[in-house]
């Protein structure tokens, strides 16, 4: 595999790119071993400034919104709802970016990459925290493996502002991809450090701003959902076996519904029809 590191966060964080490259090179084989999924032939790791990252999201979401309007021809009410969903996403990113140090994203169609925000790492107190960086890279690379296994569909299908017109309302892709990625990074950091590395609690070096955002009801609800999704994925893999579970990347009808609050409900989707 070819690992490409693009350092676009300024000279202050130049060394971080080299450290991330080394961590990803060590972590990538473990991702494939743990998930039984192959990573893309070329993996791109990019450090970005927060303003550049925000601008990239504004451009990507605007392009996506326009493309969906052209393809799906929504009503005026549906257009308004879609626009409000986009505004909500961008508003969330503007407020919570210090808690979002890494993201696996497709800013350019067909070019998935792991984007790192060094400023967010600094707010979280993780710039010099090697175990945390290994967890972040293991998580992000797992998301790239999901992309490769599904030919990008597990990212693109839920990337919509008109879920009702796509026929996917109620489908919980977030629980699938994030639960699986957290499950994988727990396995990988356990192998590397003897126990799972957790970033659920703020670092002693975290900024006041990070701590305030982390303590918010919205963020804590997200953490609770992530823990539930991780445990559910772990249970389903135990019940179904990893090979069978991985069918989900080719058949997205196996993804859970929001109403699948217990593993048994999700497990039924894997049974012969």
Protein backbone atom coordinates (compact mmCIF):
# COMPACT_ATOMS: atom_id res chain seq x y z
CA UNK A 1 0.00 0.00 0.00
CA UNK A 2 1.10 3.55 -0.70
CA UNK A 3 0.90 5.99 2.21
CA UNK A 4 0.74 9.67 1.24
CA UNK A 5 0.99 12.39 3.90
CA UNK A 6 -0.04 15.93 2.98
CA UNK A 7 1.09 18.51 5.52
CA UNK A 8 -1.19 21.54 5.10
CA UNK A 9 -1.43 22.77 8.70
CA UNK A 10 1.67 24.96 8.64
CA UNK A 11 5.27 24.59 9.70
CA UNK A 12 4.33 24.55 13.39
CA UNK A 13 2.91 21.06 12.90
CA UNK A 14 5.39 19.81 10.31
CA UNK A 15 6.77 17.10 12.59
CA UNK A 16 3.27 15.78 13.29
CA UNK A 17 2.96 14.60 9.69
CA UNK A 18 6.07 12.41 10.06
CA UNK A 19 4.78 10.98 13.35
CA UNK A 20 1.37 10.22 11.85
CA UNK A 21 2.99 8.52 8.87
CA UNK A 22 4.99 6.24 11.18
CA UNK A 23 1.95 5.44 13.32
CA UNK A 24 -0.24 4.69 10.30
CA UNK A 25 2.43 2.48 8.74
CA UNK A 26 2.54 0.44 11.95
CA UNK A 27 -1.20 0.43 12.46
CA UNK A 28 -2.39 -0.36 8.92
CA UNK A 29 -1.50 -4.10 8.99
CA UNK A 30 -3.30 -4.42 12.34
CA UNK A 31 -6.41 -2.78 10.90
CA UNK A 32 -6.50 -5.34 8.11
CA UNK A 33 -5.81 -8.19 10.52
CA UNK A 34 -8.46 -7.18 13.06
CA UNK A 35 -11.22 -6.26 10.58
CA UNK A 36 -10.42 -8.78 7.84
CA UNK A 37 -10.85 -5.87 5.41
CA UNK A 38 -8.32 -4.49 2.94
CA UNK A 39 -7.24 -0.88 3.03
CA UNK A 40 -7.20 1.20 -0.17
CA UNK A 41 -4.11 0.81 -2.34
CA UNK A 42 -3.33 4.46 -1.62
CA UNK A 43 -3.99 5.95 1.80
CA UNK A 44 -3.94 9.72 2.16
CA UNK A 45 -3.33 11.35 5.53
CA UNK A 46 -3.76 15.13 5.51
CA UNK A 47 -3.21 17.69 8.23
CA UNK A 48 -5.33 20.83 7.78
CA UNK A 49 -5.97 24.16 9.44
CA UNK A 50 -9.41 24.61 10.93
CA UNK A 51 -10.44 27.38 8.48
CA UNK A 52 -9.37 25.27 5.49
CA UNK A 53 -11.24 22.27 6.87
CA UNK A 54 -14.38 24.33 7.43
CA UNK A 55 -14.18 25.82 3.93
CA UNK A 56 -13.73 22.34 2.43
CA UNK A 57 -16.90 21.23 4.21
CA UNK A 58 -18.84 24.28 3.04
CA UNK A 59 -17.86 23.55 -0.55
CA UNK A 60 -18.49 19.81 -0.34
CA UNK A 61 -21.90 20.17 1.32
CA UNK A 62 -23.00 22.88 -1.12
CA UNK A 63 -22.01 20.70 -4.07
CA UNK A 64 -23.82 17.72 -2.56
CA UNK A 65 -26.96 19.76 -1.90
CA UNK A 66 -27.03 21.12 -5.46
CA UNK A 67 -26.45 17.65 -6.94
CA UNK A 68 -29.31 16.19 -4.91
CA UNK A 69 -31.66 18.98 -5.95
CA UNK A 70 -30.80 18.32 -9.59
CA UNK A 71 -31.17 14.54 -9.29
CA UNK A 72 -34.17 14.17 -6.98
CA UNK A 73 -36.23 17.27 -7.84
CA UNK A 74 -37.56 17.81 -4.29
CA UNK A 75 -40.53 20.00 -3.44
CA UNK A 76 -39.98 23.46 -1.99
CA UNK A 77 -40.64 22.14 1.52
CA UNK A 78 -38.13 19.32 1.00
CA UNK A 79 -35.56 21.81 -0.33
CA UNK A 80 -36.02 23.91 2.78
CA UNK A 81 -35.63 20.89 5.07
CA UNK A 82 -32.48 19.82 3.21
CA UNK A 83 -31.01 23.29 3.51
CA UNK A 84 -31.72 23.35 7.23
CA UNK A 85 -29.99 19.97 7.65
CA UNK A 86 -26.89 21.36 5.94
CA UNK A 87 -26.95 24.50 8.10
CA UNK A 88 -27.25 22.36 11.23
CA UNK A 89 -24.24 20.25 10.26
CA UNK A 90 -22.07 23.29 9.54
CA UNK A 91 -23.19 24.96 12.78
CA UNK A 92 -22.25 21.83 14.75
CA UNK A 93 -18.80 21.77 13.14
CA UNK A 94 -18.19 25.46 13.86
CA UNK A 95 -18.92 24.93 17.54
CA UNK A 96 -17.51 21.48 18.21
CA UNK A 97 -14.39 21.37 16.01
CA UNK A 98 -12.05 21.29 19.08
CA UNK A 99 -13.52 17.88 19.89
CA UNK A 100 -13.10 16.61 16.31
CA UNK A 101 -9.35 16.03 15.83
CA UNK A 102 -9.71 13.51 13.00
CA UNK A 103 -12.17 12.70 10.27
CA UNK A 104 -12.28 10.17 7.46
CA UNK A 105 -13.85 12.11 4.62
CA UNK A 106 -14.25 12.31 0.85
CA UNK A 107 -13.80 16.00 0.01
CA UNK A 108 -13.04 14.99 -3.58
CA UNK A 109 -15.29 12.22 -5.01
CA UNK A 110 -13.38 8.94 -5.19
CA UNK A 111 -10.55 10.23 -2.98
CA UNK A 112 -11.13 9.17 0.64
CA UNK A 113 -8.63 10.50 3.15
CA UNK A 114 -7.93 10.72 6.85
CA UNK A 115 -7.90 14.40 7.81
CA UNK A 116 -6.22 15.48 11.04
CA UNK A 117 -6.76 18.88 12.69
CA UNK A 118 -3.65 19.60 14.81
CA UNK A 119 -5.37 22.54 16.51
CA UNK A 120 -8.09 20.18 17.72
CA UNK A 121 -5.46 17.71 18.91
CA UNK A 122 -3.92 20.54 20.93
CA UNK A 123 -7.27 21.48 22.48
CA UNK A 124 -7.82 17.83 23.41
CA UNK A 125 -4.31 17.53 24.88
CA UNK A 126 -3.35 14.75 22.48
CA UNK A 127 -0.59 16.31 20.37
CA UNK A 128 2.08 14.47 22.36
CA UNK A 129 -0.10 11.58 23.54
CA UNK A 130 1.12 8.60 21.52
CA UNK A 131 -1.56 6.10 22.65
CA UNK A 132 -4.28 8.61 21.72
CA UNK A 133 -2.68 9.18 18.31
CA UNK A 134 -2.54 5.42 17.71
CA UNK A 135 -6.23 5.14 18.60
CA UNK A 136 -7.13 8.01 16.29
CA UNK A 137 -5.17 6.53 13.40
CA UNK A 138 -6.55 3.02 13.97
CA UNK A 139 -10.08 4.42 14.01
CA UNK A 140 -9.56 6.53 10.90
CA UNK A 141 -7.90 3.76 8.92
CA UNK A 142 -10.76 1.42 9.81
CA UNK A 143 -13.13 3.92 8.26
CA UNK A 144 -10.99 3.90 5.09
CA UNK A 145 -11.17 0.09 5.08
CA UNK A 146 -14.97 0.32 5.30
CA UNK A 147 -14.92 2.66 2.32
CA UNK A 148 -12.80 0.26 0.28
CA UNK A 149 -14.91 -2.78 1.23
CA UNK A 150 -18.13 -1.05 0.16
CA UNK A 151 -16.68 0.69 -2.91
CA UNK A 152 -17.48 3.94 -1.13
CA UNK A 153 -21.19 3.24 -0.72
CA UNK A 154 -21.17 3.09 3.08
CA UNK A 155 -20.07 6.74 3.01
CA UNK A 156 -22.06 7.95 0.02
CA UNK A 157 -25.48 6.41 0.70
CA UNK A 158 -25.98 8.15 4.08
CA UNK A 159 -24.39 11.36 2.75
CA UNK A 160 -27.74 12.87 1.84
CA UNK A 161 -29.87 15.82 2.86
CA UNK A 162 -32.97 14.09 1.50
CA UNK A 163 -33.05 10.69 3.24
CA UNK A 164 -36.78 10.30 2.65
CA UNK A 165 -36.24 10.50 -1.13
CA UNK A 166 -33.29 8.11 -0.92
CA UNK A 167 -35.37 5.48 0.87
CA UNK A 168 -33.11 5.36 3.92
CA UNK A 169 -34.95 7.22 6.71
CA UNK A 170 -34.47 5.40 9.98
CA UNK A 171 -31.36 3.54 8.78
CA UNK A 172 -28.60 3.99 11.40
CA UNK A 173 -25.41 4.06 9.35
CA UNK A 174 -23.65 6.00 12.10
CA UNK A 175 -24.05 3.12 14.54
CA UNK A 176 -22.63 0.74 11.95
CA UNK A 177 -19.55 2.65 10.81
CA UNK A 178 -18.63 4.29 14.10
CA UNK A 179 -19.46 1.27 16.25
CA UNK A 180 -17.31 -0.90 13.99
CA UNK A 181 -14.43 1.63 13.95
CA UNK A 182 -14.46 1.99 17.74
CA UNK A 183 -14.61 -1.79 18.12
CA UNK A 184 -11.57 -2.11 15.83
CA UNK A 185 -9.51 0.60 17.52
CA UNK A 186 -10.14 -1.08 20.87
CA UNK A 187 -8.79 -4.37 19.53
CA UNK A 188 -5.77 -2.66 17.98
CA UNK A 189 -4.81 -0.50 20.96
CA UNK A 190 -5.26 -3.51 23.24
CA UNK A 191 -2.71 -5.39 21.11
CA UNK A 192 -0.31 -2.45 21.17
CA UNK A 193 -0.67 -1.20 24.74
CA UNK A 194 -2.12 -4.12 26.70
CA UNK A 195 -5.59 -2.58 27.13
CA UNK A 196 -7.95 -0.44 25.05
CA UNK A 197 -7.02 3.21 24.79
CA UNK A 198 -9.99 5.39 25.71
CA UNK A 199 -10.48 9.06 24.88
CA UNK A 200 -13.89 9.25 26.56
CA UNK A 201 -12.56 11.34 29.43
CA UNK A 202 -10.73 14.66 28.90
CA UNK A 203 -6.96 14.63 29.12
CA UNK A 204 -5.31 16.47 31.98
CA UNK A 205 -3.82 18.69 29.24
CA UNK A 206 -7.16 19.50 27.60
CA UNK A 207 -8.11 23.16 27.18
CA UNK A 208 -10.92 24.86 29.08
CA UNK A 209 -12.84 25.17 25.81
CA UNK A 210 -12.49 21.46 25.11
CA UNK A 211 -13.66 20.54 28.59
CA UNK A 212 -16.73 22.74 28.30
CA UNK A 213 -17.72 21.22 24.95
CA UNK A 214 -17.00 17.70 26.19
CA UNK A 215 -19.27 18.26 29.20
CA UNK A 216 -22.20 19.51 27.10
CA UNK A 217 -25.36 17.43 27.03
CA UNK A 218 -25.17 17.08 23.24
CA UNK A 219 -21.63 15.73 23.32
CA UNK A 220 -22.27 13.37 26.22
CA UNK A 221 -25.32 11.98 24.42
CA UNK A 222 -23.07 11.27 21.45
CA UNK A 223 -20.56 9.49 23.68
CA UNK A 224 -23.33 7.35 25.16
CA UNK A 225 -24.55 6.46 21.67
CA UNK A 226 -21.03 5.59 20.58
CA UNK A 227 -20.56 3.26 23.55
CA UNK A 228 -23.84 1.50 22.80
CA UNK A 229 -22.97 1.14 19.10
CA UNK A 230 -19.52 -0.25 19.92
CA UNK A 231 -20.90 -2.82 22.32
CA UNK A 232 -23.61 -3.83 19.85
CA UNK A 233 -21.12 -4.32 17.01
CA UNK A 234 -18.90 -6.38 19.30
CA UNK A 235 -21.84 -8.59 20.28
CA UNK A 236 -22.98 -9.02 16.70
CA UNK A 237 -19.49 -10.00 15.52
CA UNK A 238 -19.34 -12.51 18.36
CA UNK A 239 -22.73 -13.97 17.38
CA UNK A 240 -22.36 -13.86 13.61
CA UNK A 241 -18.61 -14.23 13.09
CA UNK A 242 -16.41 -11.61 11.45
CA UNK A 243 -16.66 -13.06 7.95
CA UNK A 244 -20.43 -13.03 8.01
CA UNK A 245 -20.60 -9.61 9.64
CA UNK A 246 -18.49 -8.17 6.83
CA UNK A 247 -21.30 -8.91 4.39
CA UNK A 248 -22.74 -5.59 5.57
CA UNK A 249 -20.22 -3.64 3.46
CA UNK A 250 -21.59 -5.19 0.26
CA UNK A 251 -25.23 -5.32 1.32
CA UNK A 252 -26.25 -2.11 3.07
CA UNK A 253 -29.73 -3.50 3.78
CA UNK A 254 -27.97 -5.29 6.63
CA UNK A 255 -27.22 -1.95 8.30
CA UNK A 256 -29.25 -1.43 11.48
CA UNK A 257 -32.30 0.74 11.94
CA UNK A 258 -32.51 3.37 14.65
CA UNK A 259 -35.25 1.18 16.13
CA UNK A 260 -32.80 -1.74 16.46
CA UNK A 261 -32.02 -0.87 20.07
CA UNK A 262 -30.96 -4.43 20.97
CA UNK A 263 -28.43 -6.64 19.23
CA UNK A 264 -31.07 -9.32 18.62
CA UNK A 265 -33.08 -7.01 16.35
CA UNK A 266 -30.02 -6.19 14.25
CA UNK A 267 -28.91 -9.83 14.25
CA UNK A 268 -32.17 -10.87 12.61
CA UNK A 269 -31.18 -8.96 9.48
CA UNK A 270 -28.29 -11.38 8.97
CA UNK A 271 -30.50 -14.45 9.06
CA UNK A 272 -31.53 -16.20 5.80
CA UNK A 273 -34.73 -14.77 4.36
